[in-house]
Amino acid sequence: MKKLILKILFLSLIIFAPVSAMAGVSVHVDIPLPPLIIFPVPPVPVVIPETDVYAVPDVQEDIFFYGGWWWRPWEGRWYRSHYYDRGWAF
């Protein structure tokens, strides 16, 4: 009789185990990166007067250099990279 009670108790613990222990969470955020800017030669930035910000003239897109990073706005967000032609991150 004890064995039957123990078996029933064991099976009930397995069947009614908390489901939350098996739950998982997954979050995915997709932020598109700006299109590449193709430079035939490395850009020559010029300092914006009375600032520590450099701008790249003679390109359609705005691209700046400040604090060791290249910066560029795109679709309402600012992206930065250590390289002027790749590695942009939001």
Protein backbone atom coordinates (compact mmCIF):
# COMPACT_ATOMS: atom_id res chain seq x y z
CA MET A 1 0.00 0.00 0.00
CA LYS A 2 2.84 2.38 0.83
CA LYS A 3 4.43 1.72 -2.54
CA LEU A 4 1.18 2.55 -4.33
CA ILE A 5 0.81 5.81 -2.40
CA LEU A 6 4.43 6.75 -3.13
CA LYS A 7 3.95 6.01 -6.84
CA ILE A 8 0.80 8.13 -6.97
CA LEU A 9 2.53 10.97 -5.13
CA PHE A 10 5.56 10.80 -7.45
CA LEU A 11 3.39 10.76 -10.59
CA SER A 12 1.29 13.67 -9.31
CA LEU A 13 4.45 15.73 -8.72
CA ILE A 14 5.64 15.04 -12.27
CA ILE A 15 2.28 15.72 -13.88
CA PHE A 16 1.50 18.89 -11.91
CA ALA A 17 5.01 20.34 -11.89
CA PRO A 18 5.08 24.13 -12.28
CA VAL A 19 4.94 25.04 -15.95
CA SER A 20 6.62 28.40 -15.28
CA ALA A 21 9.90 26.58 -14.70
CA MET A 22 9.83 25.59 -18.36
CA ALA A 23 8.89 29.03 -19.72
CA GLY A 24 11.30 31.12 -21.79
CA VAL A 25 11.47 34.68 -23.02
CA SER A 26 12.75 35.87 -26.37
CA VAL A 27 13.07 39.50 -27.46
CA HIS A 28 14.10 40.57 -30.96
CA VAL A 29 14.62 44.19 -31.98
CA ASP A 30 15.37 44.88 -35.61
CA ILE A 31 16.96 48.28 -36.27
CA PRO A 32 18.07 48.64 -39.87
CA LEU A 33 21.56 49.93 -40.51
CA PRO A 34 22.16 52.91 -42.78
CA PRO A 35 23.30 52.23 -46.33
CA LEU A 36 27.02 52.23 -47.02
CA ILE A 37 28.73 55.39 -48.17
CA ILE A 38 31.23 54.58 -50.90
CA PHE A 39 34.38 56.70 -50.80
CA PRO A 40 36.82 56.43 -53.72
CA VAL A 41 39.53 57.71 -51.36
CA PRO A 42 39.49 58.18 -47.57
CA PRO A 43 37.56 61.33 -46.63
CA VAL A 44 39.38 64.43 -45.44
CA PRO A 45 37.32 65.93 -42.62
CA VAL A 46 37.47 69.64 -41.85
CA VAL A 47 36.94 71.14 -38.42
CA ILE A 48 33.73 73.03 -37.78
CA PRO A 49 34.88 76.41 -36.39
CA GLU A 50 34.83 76.82 -32.61
CA THR A 51 34.06 73.11 -32.02
CA ASP A 52 35.85 69.79 -31.70
CA VAL A 53 33.66 68.34 -34.45
CA TYR A 54 34.93 67.52 -37.92
CA ALA A 55 32.64 67.29 -40.96
CA VAL A 56 33.22 65.61 -44.30
CA PRO A 57 32.52 68.05 -47.12
CA ASP A 58 31.53 67.18 -50.67
CA VAL A 59 29.40 64.09 -49.87
CA GLN A 60 25.61 63.89 -50.02
CA GLU A 61 25.20 62.26 -46.61
CA ASP A 62 26.08 63.99 -43.36
CA ILE A 63 29.08 62.37 -41.70
CA PHE A 64 31.06 63.74 -38.78
CA PHE A 65 34.07 62.81 -36.68
CA TYR A 66 34.09 63.52 -32.94
CA GLY A 67 35.65 61.90 -29.89
CA GLY A 68 37.30 59.06 -31.81
CA TRP A 69 34.04 58.06 -33.51
CA TRP A 70 32.52 58.66 -36.92
CA TRP A 71 28.88 59.78 -36.61
CA ARG A 72 26.04 59.92 -39.10
CA PRO A 73 22.31 60.57 -38.82
CA TRP A 74 19.92 58.31 -40.71
CA GLU A 75 16.13 58.06 -40.49
CA GLY A 76 15.92 59.97 -37.20
CA ARG A 77 18.67 58.02 -35.42
CA TRP A 78 22.38 58.59 -34.91
CA TYR A 79 24.82 55.85 -35.78
CA ARG A 80 28.50 55.66 -34.89
CA SER A 81 31.53 53.66 -35.95
CA HIS A 82 35.28 53.60 -35.51
CA TYR A 83 35.50 53.41 -39.32
CA TYR A 84 34.07 55.85 -41.86
CA ASP A 85 32.95 53.14 -44.27
CA ARG A 86 31.69 50.22 -42.12
CA GLY A 87 30.72 49.00 -38.68
CA TRP A 88 27.84 51.41 -38.03
CA ALA A 89 25.84 50.76 -34.86
CA PHE A 90 22.80 52.47 -33.35
